[in-house]
Amino acid sequence: MAEELIYSDAQLRGILQRVRTIAMVGASPNWNRPSYFAMKYLLEKGYRVTPVNPRSAGQEILGMPCVATLAEVPDPIDMVDIFRASDAAGAIVDEAIALRDAKGISVIWMQLGVRNDAAAARGTAAGLEVVMDRCPKIEYGRLHSELSWGGFNSHIISSRRRRVHIR
């Protein structure tokens, strides 16, 4: 069994404050895919997000030009956000390591359900900060108390049944 992944709030907050540009590998033009929602949210929070998807290269996703590879991202990249299967993450991390100095990459972030310990070890050894099995959209909302806007953690909305007292 894999070791539990633990990231402090300070570490995740620090990444999300430091990062300004994100290359989202596996971004989808399909409005009902999780990567679309995450990209839309991050753009609304002021991040510059470049979608990376060979099938959608040359098109726009949420008004941003999509490219096929990390090497084709025209701007510096602070963070590579991986929306691909765990077994595909290794090659993406290796590409990020190769481009680290040329693009300024400092963070690899693997989305919910994406975990590749060997790739993470290579990234860490190359001096990159690596986060696995987390979503920057969810973490941003959690760390900025946005989840409470919907009643979560407010003690107003609950999944528990209310007890009714009959007199």
N, C-alpha and C. Protein backbone atom coordinates (compact mmCIF):
# COMPACT_ATOMS: atom_id res chain seq x y z
N MET A 1 0.84 -1.18 0.00
CA MET A 1 0.00 0.00 0.00
C MET A 1 0.89 1.24 0.00
N ALA A 2 0.48 2.22 -0.78
CA ALA A 2 1.26 3.45 -0.91
C ALA A 2 1.16 4.29 0.35
N GLU A 3 2.22 4.99 0.62
CA GLU A 3 2.28 5.90 1.77
C GLU A 3 1.28 7.04 1.59
N GLU A 4 0.67 7.46 2.69
CA GLU A 4 -0.30 8.56 2.64
C GLU A 4 0.40 9.85 2.25
N LEU A 5 -0.25 10.62 1.41
CA LEU A 5 0.29 11.90 0.97
C LEU A 5 -0.19 12.99 1.91
N ILE A 6 0.74 13.71 2.51
CA ILE A 6 0.39 14.77 3.44
C ILE A 6 1.10 16.06 3.00
N TYR A 7 0.30 17.09 2.78
CA TYR A 7 0.82 18.40 2.42
C TYR A 7 0.24 19.40 3.41
N SER A 8 1.08 20.23 3.96
CA SER A 8 0.59 21.22 4.93
C SER A 8 -0.17 22.33 4.19
N ASP A 9 -1.07 22.96 4.91
CA ASP A 9 -1.78 24.11 4.35
C ASP A 9 -0.79 25.20 3.96
N ALA A 10 0.24 25.38 4.76
CA ALA A 10 1.25 26.42 4.46
C ALA A 10 1.96 26.12 3.14
N GLN A 11 2.27 24.85 2.90
CA GLN A 11 2.94 24.48 1.65
C GLN A 11 2.02 24.73 0.45
N LEU A 12 0.78 24.27 0.52
CA LEU A 12 -0.15 24.44 -0.59
C LEU A 12 -0.48 25.92 -0.81
N ARG A 13 -0.68 26.67 0.27
CA ARG A 13 -0.95 28.10 0.18
C ARG A 13 0.24 28.81 -0.47
N GLY A 14 1.45 28.43 -0.05
CA GLY A 14 2.66 29.04 -0.61
C GLY A 14 2.76 28.82 -2.11
N ILE A 15 2.47 27.60 -2.56
CA ILE A 15 2.51 27.31 -3.99
C ILE A 15 1.49 28.18 -4.72
N LEU A 16 0.26 28.19 -4.22
CA LEU A 16 -0.81 28.91 -4.91
C LEU A 16 -0.61 30.43 -4.89
N GLN A 17 0.14 30.94 -3.92
CA GLN A 17 0.46 32.38 -3.89
C GLN A 17 1.62 32.70 -4.82
N ARG A 18 2.57 31.81 -4.92
CA ARG A 18 3.79 32.02 -5.70
C ARG A 18 3.56 31.84 -7.21
N VAL A 19 2.74 30.87 -7.56
CA VAL A 19 2.50 30.52 -8.96
C VAL A 19 1.63 31.59 -9.64
N ARG A 20 1.96 31.93 -10.85
CA ARG A 20 1.15 32.86 -11.65
C ARG A 20 0.77 32.24 -12.99
N THR A 21 1.66 31.39 -13.55
CA THR A 21 1.40 30.77 -14.85
C THR A 21 1.35 29.25 -14.70
N ILE A 22 0.36 28.65 -15.35
CA ILE A 22 0.13 27.22 -15.23
C ILE A 22 -0.01 26.62 -16.63
N ALA A 23 0.67 25.52 -16.86
CA ALA A 23 0.45 24.72 -18.06
C ALA A 23 -0.41 23.53 -17.62
N MET A 24 -1.65 23.46 -18.13
CA MET A 24 -2.57 22.40 -17.73
C MET A 24 -2.54 21.29 -18.79
N VAL A 25 -1.83 20.22 -18.47
CA VAL A 25 -1.68 19.10 -19.39
C VAL A 25 -2.91 18.20 -19.26
N GLY A 26 -3.61 18.03 -20.38
CA GLY A 26 -4.84 17.25 -20.36
C GLY A 26 -6.07 18.12 -20.28
N ALA A 27 -5.91 19.43 -20.47
CA ALA A 27 -7.06 20.34 -20.47
C ALA A 27 -8.01 19.92 -21.59
N SER A 28 -9.30 20.00 -21.30
CA SER A 28 -10.31 19.58 -22.27
C SER A 28 -11.18 20.75 -22.71
N PRO A 29 -11.54 20.78 -24.01
CA PRO A 29 -12.48 21.79 -24.48
C PRO A 29 -13.93 21.44 -24.12
N ASN A 30 -14.15 20.26 -23.57
CA ASN A 30 -15.48 19.78 -23.23
C ASN A 30 -15.92 20.41 -21.92
N TRP A 31 -16.98 21.21 -21.94
CA TRP A 31 -17.41 22.00 -20.78
C TRP A 31 -17.75 21.15 -19.56
N ASN A 32 -18.05 19.88 -19.72
CA ASN A 32 -18.42 19.07 -18.55
C ASN A 32 -17.30 18.17 -18.04
N ARG A 33 -16.07 18.45 -18.43
CA ARG A 33 -14.92 17.70 -17.92
C ARG A 33 -14.31 18.45 -16.72
N PRO A 34 -13.79 17.73 -15.73
CA PRO A 34 -13.19 18.39 -14.57
C PRO A 34 -12.08 19.38 -14.93
N SER A 35 -11.29 19.07 -15.94
CA SER A 35 -10.20 19.99 -16.31
C SER A 35 -10.75 21.32 -16.80
N TYR A 36 -11.88 21.30 -17.47
CA TYR A 36 -12.51 22.54 -17.95
C TYR A 36 -12.93 23.42 -16.77
N PHE A 37 -13.59 22.79 -15.77
CA PHE A 37 -14.01 23.54 -14.57
C PHE A 37 -12.80 24.10 -13.83
N ALA A 38 -11.77 23.27 -13.67
CA ALA A 38 -10.57 23.73 -12.95
C ALA A 38 -9.89 24.88 -13.69
N MET A 39 -9.78 24.75 -15.01
CA MET A 39 -9.14 25.81 -15.78
C MET A 39 -9.94 27.11 -15.70
N LYS A 40 -11.25 27.01 -15.82
CA LYS A 40 -12.11 28.20 -15.74
C LYS A 40 -11.95 28.89 -14.39
N TYR A 41 -11.94 28.12 -13.33
CA TYR A 41 -11.80 28.66 -11.98
C TYR A 41 -10.45 29.35 -11.81
N LEU A 42 -9.38 28.69 -12.24
CA LEU A 42 -8.04 29.25 -12.08
C LEU A 42 -7.87 30.53 -12.91
N LEU A 43 -8.46 30.55 -14.11
CA LEU A 43 -8.42 31.78 -14.91
C LEU A 43 -9.15 32.91 -14.18
N GLU A 44 -10.30 32.60 -13.59
CA GLU A 44 -11.07 33.61 -12.86
C GLU A 44 -10.32 34.12 -11.63
N LYS A 45 -9.42 33.33 -11.08
CA LYS A 45 -8.62 33.74 -9.93
C LYS A 45 -7.37 34.51 -10.33
N GLY A 46 -7.18 34.73 -11.62
CA GLY A 46 -6.06 35.55 -12.08
C GLY A 46 -4.84 34.80 -12.56
N TYR A 47 -4.89 33.48 -12.57
CA TYR A 47 -3.76 32.70 -13.08
C TYR A 47 -3.81 32.74 -14.62
N ARG A 48 -2.65 32.68 -15.24
CA ARG A 48 -2.58 32.52 -16.69
C ARG A 48 -2.43 31.02 -16.93
N VAL A 49 -3.41 30.43 -17.58
CA VAL A 49 -3.41 28.98 -17.80
C VAL A 49 -3.31 28.70 -19.29
N THR A 50 -2.31 27.92 -19.66
CA THR A 50 -2.16 27.48 -21.05
C THR A 50 -2.58 26.02 -21.13
N PRO A 51 -3.62 25.72 -21.92
CA PRO A 51 -4.02 24.32 -22.08
C PRO A 51 -3.03 23.56 -22.97
N VAL A 52 -2.69 22.35 -22.54
CA VAL A 52 -1.78 21.49 -23.29
C VAL A 52 -2.53 20.18 -23.58
N ASN A 53 -2.82 19.96 -24.87
CA ASN A 53 -3.55 18.76 -25.27
C ASN A 53 -3.33 18.56 -26.77
N PRO A 54 -2.62 17.51 -27.16
CA PRO A 54 -2.31 17.32 -28.59
C PRO A 54 -3.56 17.21 -29.47
N ARG A 55 -4.66 16.67 -28.93
CA ARG A 55 -5.88 16.53 -29.73
C ARG A 55 -6.57 17.88 -29.98
N SER A 56 -6.33 18.85 -29.13
CA SER A 56 -6.97 20.16 -29.25
C SER A 56 -6.01 21.27 -29.66
N ALA A 57 -4.76 20.90 -29.96
CA ALA A 57 -3.75 21.89 -30.34
C ALA A 57 -4.23 22.72 -31.52
N GLY A 58 -4.00 24.03 -31.45
CA GLY A 58 -4.42 24.94 -32.49
C GLY A 58 -5.81 25.52 -32.25
N GLN A 59 -6.56 24.95 -31.32
CA GLN A 59 -7.87 25.47 -30.95
C GLN A 59 -7.72 26.34 -29.71
N GLU A 60 -8.81 26.92 -29.28
CA GLU A 60 -8.82 27.66 -28.02
C GLU A 60 -9.68 26.92 -27.01
N ILE A 61 -9.24 26.95 -25.78
CA ILE A 61 -10.04 26.45 -24.67
C ILE A 61 -10.20 27.62 -23.71
N LEU A 62 -11.43 28.02 -23.47
CA LEU A 62 -11.73 29.17 -22.61
C LEU A 62 -10.95 30.41 -23.04
N GLY A 63 -10.81 30.58 -24.35
CA GLY A 63 -10.14 31.76 -24.89
C GLY A 63 -8.63 31.69 -24.90
N MET A 64 -8.07 30.59 -24.43
CA MET A 64 -6.61 30.44 -24.38
C MET A 64 -6.17 29.47 -25.48
N PRO A 65 -5.13 29.83 -26.26
CA PRO A 65 -4.67 28.93 -27.31
C PRO A 65 -4.08 27.65 -26.73
N CYS A 66 -4.53 26.54 -27.29
CA CYS A 66 -4.07 25.23 -26.82
C CYS A 66 -2.86 24.78 -27.64
N VAL A 67 -1.88 24.19 -26.95
CA VAL A 67 -0.68 23.67 -27.60
C VAL A 67 -0.58 22.17 -27.35
N ALA A 68 0.27 21.50 -28.12
CA ALA A 68 0.38 20.05 -28.04
C ALA A 68 1.32 19.56 -26.94
N THR A 69 2.35 20.34 -26.63
CA THR A 69 3.36 19.90 -25.66
C THR A 69 3.78 21.05 -24.75
N LEU A 70 4.42 20.73 -23.66
CA LEU A 70 4.95 21.76 -22.76
C LEU A 70 5.96 22.65 -23.47
N ALA A 71 6.76 22.06 -24.35
CA ALA A 71 7.78 22.83 -25.07
C ALA A 71 7.16 23.93 -25.93
N GLU A 72 5.89 23.76 -26.35
CA GLU A 72 5.22 24.73 -27.20
C GLU A 72 4.54 25.86 -26.43
N VAL A 73 4.51 25.78 -25.10
CA VAL A 73 3.93 26.85 -24.30
C VAL A 73 4.79 28.09 -24.51
N PRO A 74 4.19 29.20 -24.99
CA PRO A 74 5.01 30.36 -25.35
C PRO A 74 5.56 31.15 -24.16
N ASP A 75 4.92 31.02 -23.02
CA ASP A 75 5.29 31.81 -21.85
C ASP A 75 6.09 30.97 -20.85
N PRO A 76 6.72 31.64 -19.89
CA PRO A 76 7.31 30.89 -18.78
C PRO A 76 6.20 30.09 -18.07
N ILE A 77 6.57 29.00 -17.42
CA ILE A 77 5.62 28.13 -16.72
C ILE A 77 6.07 28.02 -15.27
N ASP A 78 5.24 28.46 -14.35
CA ASP A 78 5.54 28.27 -12.93
C ASP A 78 5.17 26.86 -12.48
N MET A 79 4.01 26.37 -12.96
CA MET A 79 3.49 25.08 -12.50
C MET A 79 2.94 24.27 -13.65
N VAL A 80 3.23 22.99 -13.65
CA VAL A 80 2.63 22.04 -14.59
C VAL A 80 1.56 21.29 -13.82
N ASP A 81 0.31 21.44 -14.26
CA ASP A 81 -0.85 20.79 -13.64
C ASP A 81 -1.23 19.61 -14.52
N ILE A 82 -1.13 18.38 -13.98
CA ILE A 82 -1.32 17.17 -14.78
C ILE A 82 -2.72 16.59 -14.59
N PHE A 83 -3.51 16.66 -15.65
CA PHE A 83 -4.85 16.08 -15.73
C PHE A 83 -4.80 14.87 -16.66
N ARG A 84 -3.93 13.94 -16.36
CA ARG A 84 -3.79 12.72 -17.16
C ARG A 84 -3.71 11.53 -16.20
N ALA A 85 -3.80 10.33 -16.72
CA ALA A 85 -3.73 9.13 -15.89
C ALA A 85 -2.35 9.03 -15.23
N SER A 86 -2.32 8.35 -14.11
CA SER A 86 -1.08 8.21 -13.34
C SER A 86 0.06 7.65 -14.16
N ASP A 87 -0.21 6.66 -15.03
CA ASP A 87 0.86 6.07 -15.81
C ASP A 87 1.39 7.02 -16.89
N ALA A 88 0.61 8.03 -17.27
CA ALA A 88 1.07 9.03 -18.25
C ALA A 88 1.86 10.16 -17.58
N ALA A 89 1.74 10.28 -16.26
CA ALA A 89 2.39 11.39 -15.55
C ALA A 89 3.91 11.33 -15.63
N GLY A 90 4.47 10.14 -15.70
CA GLY A 90 5.93 10.01 -15.74
C GLY A 90 6.57 10.75 -16.90
N ALA A 91 6.03 10.57 -18.10
CA ALA A 91 6.57 11.23 -19.28
C ALA A 91 6.39 12.75 -19.19
N ILE A 92 5.29 13.18 -18.60
CA ILE A 92 5.04 14.62 -18.46
C ILE A 92 6.03 15.23 -17.47
N VAL A 93 6.27 14.54 -16.38
CA VAL A 93 7.25 15.01 -15.39
C VAL A 93 8.63 15.06 -16.03
N ASP A 94 8.99 14.04 -16.81
CA ASP A 94 10.29 14.03 -17.47
C ASP A 94 10.44 15.21 -18.43
N GLU A 95 9.36 15.53 -19.16
CA GLU A 95 9.39 16.69 -20.06
C GLU A 95 9.54 17.99 -19.25
N ALA A 96 8.85 18.06 -18.13
CA ALA A 96 8.95 19.25 -17.27
C ALA A 96 10.37 19.41 -16.72
N ILE A 97 10.97 18.31 -16.32
CA ILE A 97 12.35 18.35 -15.81
C ILE A 97 13.29 18.87 -16.91
N ALA A 98 13.12 18.36 -18.13
CA ALA A 98 13.97 18.79 -19.24
C ALA A 98 13.80 20.27 -19.56
N LEU A 99 12.60 20.80 -19.32
CA LEU A 99 12.31 22.21 -19.63
C LEU A 99 12.42 23.14 -18.42
N ARG A 100 12.75 22.57 -17.28
CA ARG A 100 12.74 23.33 -16.03
C ARG A 100 13.45 24.67 -16.14
N ASP A 101 14.68 24.66 -16.57
CA ASP A 101 15.45 25.90 -16.63
C ASP A 101 14.99 26.82 -17.75
N ALA A 102 14.67 26.27 -18.91
CA ALA A 102 14.26 27.09 -20.05
C ALA A 102 12.91 27.76 -19.82
N LYS A 103 12.00 27.07 -19.11
CA LYS A 103 10.65 27.61 -18.90
C LYS A 103 10.42 28.16 -17.49
N GLY A 104 11.34 27.89 -16.57
CA GLY A 104 11.18 28.37 -15.20
C GLY A 104 10.27 27.53 -14.33
N ILE A 105 10.05 26.29 -14.72
CA ILE A 105 9.14 25.41 -13.99
C ILE A 105 9.67 25.12 -12.59
N SER A 106 8.80 25.32 -11.59
CA SER A 106 9.22 25.04 -10.21
C SER A 106 8.28 24.06 -9.50
N VAL A 107 7.07 23.84 -10.05
CA VAL A 107 6.09 22.99 -9.39
C VAL A 107 5.46 22.02 -10.38
N ILE A 108 5.33 20.77 -9.94
CA ILE A 108 4.53 19.76 -10.64
C ILE A 108 3.36 19.46 -9.73
N TRP A 109 2.14 19.57 -10.27
CA TRP A 109 0.94 19.30 -9.48
C TRP A 109 0.13 18.24 -10.22
N MET A 110 -0.04 17.09 -9.59
CA MET A 110 -0.84 16.01 -10.18
C MET A 110 -2.23 16.05 -9.56
N GLN A 111 -3.24 16.03 -10.42
CA GLN A 111 -4.63 16.20 -10.01
C GLN A 111 -5.15 15.05 -9.14
N LEU A 112 -6.36 15.22 -8.64
CA LEU A 112 -7.01 14.18 -7.85
C LEU A 112 -6.97 12.85 -8.59
N GLY A 113 -6.56 11.81 -7.90
CA GLY A 113 -6.49 10.49 -8.50
C GLY A 113 -5.23 10.23 -9.29
N VAL A 114 -4.39 11.23 -9.45
CA VAL A 114 -3.14 11.07 -10.21
C VAL A 114 -1.98 10.98 -9.23
N ARG A 115 -1.35 9.82 -9.25
CA ARG A 115 -0.22 9.58 -8.36
C ARG A 115 0.80 8.71 -9.06
N ASN A 116 2.03 9.19 -9.13
CA ASN A 116 3.12 8.43 -9.72
C ASN A 116 4.35 8.72 -8.85
N ASP A 117 4.60 7.84 -7.89
CA ASP A 117 5.67 8.05 -6.92
C ASP A 117 7.05 8.11 -7.57
N ALA A 118 7.28 7.28 -8.58
CA ALA A 118 8.59 7.29 -9.25
C ALA A 118 8.82 8.62 -9.96
N ALA A 119 7.78 9.12 -10.65
CA ALA A 119 7.90 10.41 -11.33
C ALA A 119 8.08 11.54 -10.31
N ALA A 120 7.36 11.46 -9.20
CA ALA A 120 7.49 12.48 -8.15
C ALA A 120 8.92 12.49 -7.60
N ALA A 121 9.49 11.32 -7.40
CA ALA A 121 10.86 11.24 -6.90
C ALA A 121 11.84 11.88 -7.89
N ARG A 122 11.63 11.62 -9.19
CA ARG A 122 12.50 12.24 -10.20
C ARG A 122 12.34 13.76 -10.19
N GLY A 123 11.11 14.23 -10.07
CA GLY A 123 10.86 15.67 -10.02
C GLY A 123 11.51 16.32 -8.82
N THR A 124 11.34 15.70 -7.67
CA THR A 124 11.93 16.23 -6.43
C THR A 124 13.45 16.25 -6.53
N ALA A 125 14.03 15.16 -7.07
CA ALA A 125 15.49 15.09 -7.23
C ALA A 125 15.99 16.18 -8.17
N ALA A 126 15.15 16.61 -9.11
CA ALA A 126 15.54 17.67 -10.05
C ALA A 126 15.28 19.06 -9.48
N GLY A 127 14.80 19.13 -8.23
CA GLY A 127 14.60 20.42 -7.59
C GLY A 127 13.21 21.00 -7.76
N LEU A 128 12.26 20.20 -8.22
CA LEU A 128 10.89 20.67 -8.38
C LEU A 128 10.08 20.32 -7.14
N GLU A 129 9.11 21.16 -6.81
CA GLU A 129 8.18 20.86 -5.74
C GLU A 129 7.05 20.04 -6.36
N VAL A 130 6.69 18.93 -5.74
CA VAL A 130 5.72 18.01 -6.32
C VAL A 130 4.54 17.81 -5.37
N VAL A 131 3.34 17.95 -5.91
CA VAL A 131 2.10 17.67 -5.18
C VAL A 131 1.34 16.63 -6.00
N MET A 132 0.84 15.60 -5.33
CA MET A 132 0.07 14.56 -6.02
C MET A 132 -1.30 14.38 -5.38
N ASP A 133 -2.25 13.94 -6.20
CA ASP A 133 -3.60 13.58 -5.75
C ASP A 133 -4.31 14.74 -5.04
N ARG A 134 -4.14 15.94 -5.58
CA ARG A 134 -4.83 17.12 -5.06
C ARG A 134 -5.28 17.97 -6.25
N CYS A 135 -6.25 18.82 -6.04
CA CYS A 135 -6.73 19.72 -7.09
C CYS A 135 -6.47 21.16 -6.65
N PRO A 136 -5.75 21.95 -7.47
CA PRO A 136 -5.50 23.33 -7.06
C PRO A 136 -6.78 24.14 -6.92
N LYS A 137 -7.80 23.84 -7.70
CA LYS A 137 -9.09 24.54 -7.58
C LYS A 137 -9.70 24.27 -6.21
N ILE A 138 -9.73 23.03 -5.81
CA ILE A 138 -10.30 22.65 -4.50
C ILE A 138 -9.46 23.24 -3.38
N GLU A 139 -8.15 23.11 -3.49
CA GLU A 139 -7.27 23.62 -2.43
C GLU A 139 -7.35 25.13 -2.32
N TYR A 140 -7.43 25.82 -3.44
CA TYR A 140 -7.56 27.28 -3.41
C TYR A 140 -8.85 27.66 -2.67
N GLY A 141 -9.95 27.03 -3.06
CA GLY A 141 -11.23 27.31 -2.41
C GLY A 141 -11.21 27.01 -0.94
N ARG A 142 -10.61 25.88 -0.58
CA ARG A 142 -10.54 25.49 0.84
C ARG A 142 -9.69 26.46 1.63
N LEU A 143 -8.54 26.81 1.10
CA LEU A 143 -7.61 27.68 1.83
C LEU A 143 -8.09 29.14 1.89
N HIS A 144 -9.00 29.52 1.01
CA HIS A 144 -9.53 30.88 1.01
C HIS A 144 -10.97 30.92 1.52
N SER A 145 -11.39 29.87 2.18
CA SER A 145 -12.71 29.76 2.81
C SER A 145 -13.86 29.94 1.82
N GLU A 146 -13.62 29.67 0.55
CA GLU A 146 -14.68 29.81 -0.43
C GLU A 146 -15.70 28.69 -0.33
N LEU A 147 -15.31 27.54 0.20
CA LEU A 147 -16.27 26.45 0.33
C LEU A 147 -17.40 26.85 1.26
N SER A 148 -17.14 27.75 2.19
CA SER A 148 -18.19 28.15 3.12
C SER A 148 -19.24 29.03 2.43
N TRP A 149 -18.90 29.61 1.27
CA TRP A 149 -19.88 30.42 0.54
C TRP A 149 -21.11 29.59 0.19
N GLY A 150 -20.93 28.31 -0.03
CA GLY A 150 -22.05 27.44 -0.39
C GLY A 150 -22.71 26.83 0.82
N GLY A 151 -22.32 27.28 2.01
CA GLY A 151 -22.92 26.75 3.23
C GLY A 151 -22.10 25.65 3.87
N PHE A 152 -21.06 25.19 3.20
CA PHE A 152 -20.22 24.15 3.76
C PHE A 152 -19.42 24.73 4.92
N ASN A 153 -19.24 23.95 5.93
CA ASN A 153 -18.48 24.35 7.11
C ASN A 153 -19.10 25.56 7.81
N SER A 154 -20.39 25.80 7.60
CA SER A 154 -21.06 26.93 8.22
C SER A 154 -21.99 26.48 9.33
N HIS A 155 -22.19 25.18 9.43
CA HIS A 155 -23.12 24.58 10.38
C HIS A 155 -24.57 24.94 10.05
N ILE A 156 -24.80 25.51 8.87
CA ILE A 156 -26.16 25.80 8.43
C ILE A 156 -26.65 24.67 7.53
N ILE A 157 -25.80 24.27 6.59
CA ILE A 157 -26.13 23.15 5.71
C ILE A 157 -25.45 21.92 6.28
N SER A 158 -26.20 20.85 6.37
CA SER A 158 -25.66 19.62 6.92
C SER A 158 -26.29 18.43 6.22
N SER A 159 -25.57 17.33 6.17
CA SER A 159 -26.12 16.10 5.62
C SER A 159 -26.81 15.28 6.71
N ARG A 160 -26.72 15.74 7.91
CA ARG A 160 -27.35 15.03 9.03
C ARG A 160 -28.83 15.37 9.12
N ARG A 161 -29.59 14.41 9.51
CA ARG A 161 -31.01 14.64 9.72
C ARG A 161 -31.23 15.43 10.98
N ARG A 162 -32.12 16.39 10.89
CA ARG A 162 -32.45 17.16 12.08
C ARG A 162 -33.39 16.35 12.95
N ARG A 163 -33.17 16.42 14.23
CA ARG A 163 -34.05 15.74 15.16
C ARG A 163 -35.26 16.62 15.42
N VAL A 164 -36.40 16.03 15.32
CA VAL A 164 -37.64 16.76 15.54
C VAL A 164 -38.17 16.38 16.91
N HIS A 165 -38.42 17.37 17.73
CA HIS A 165 -38.97 17.12 19.06
C HIS A 165 -40.46 17.35 19.03
N ILE A 166 -41.21 16.35 19.38
CA ILE A 166 -42.66 16.44 19.40
C ILE A 166 -43.09 16.59 20.84
N ARG A 167 -43.92 17.56 21.08
CA ARG A 167 -44.40 17.80 22.44
C ARG A 167 -45.80 17.29 22.61
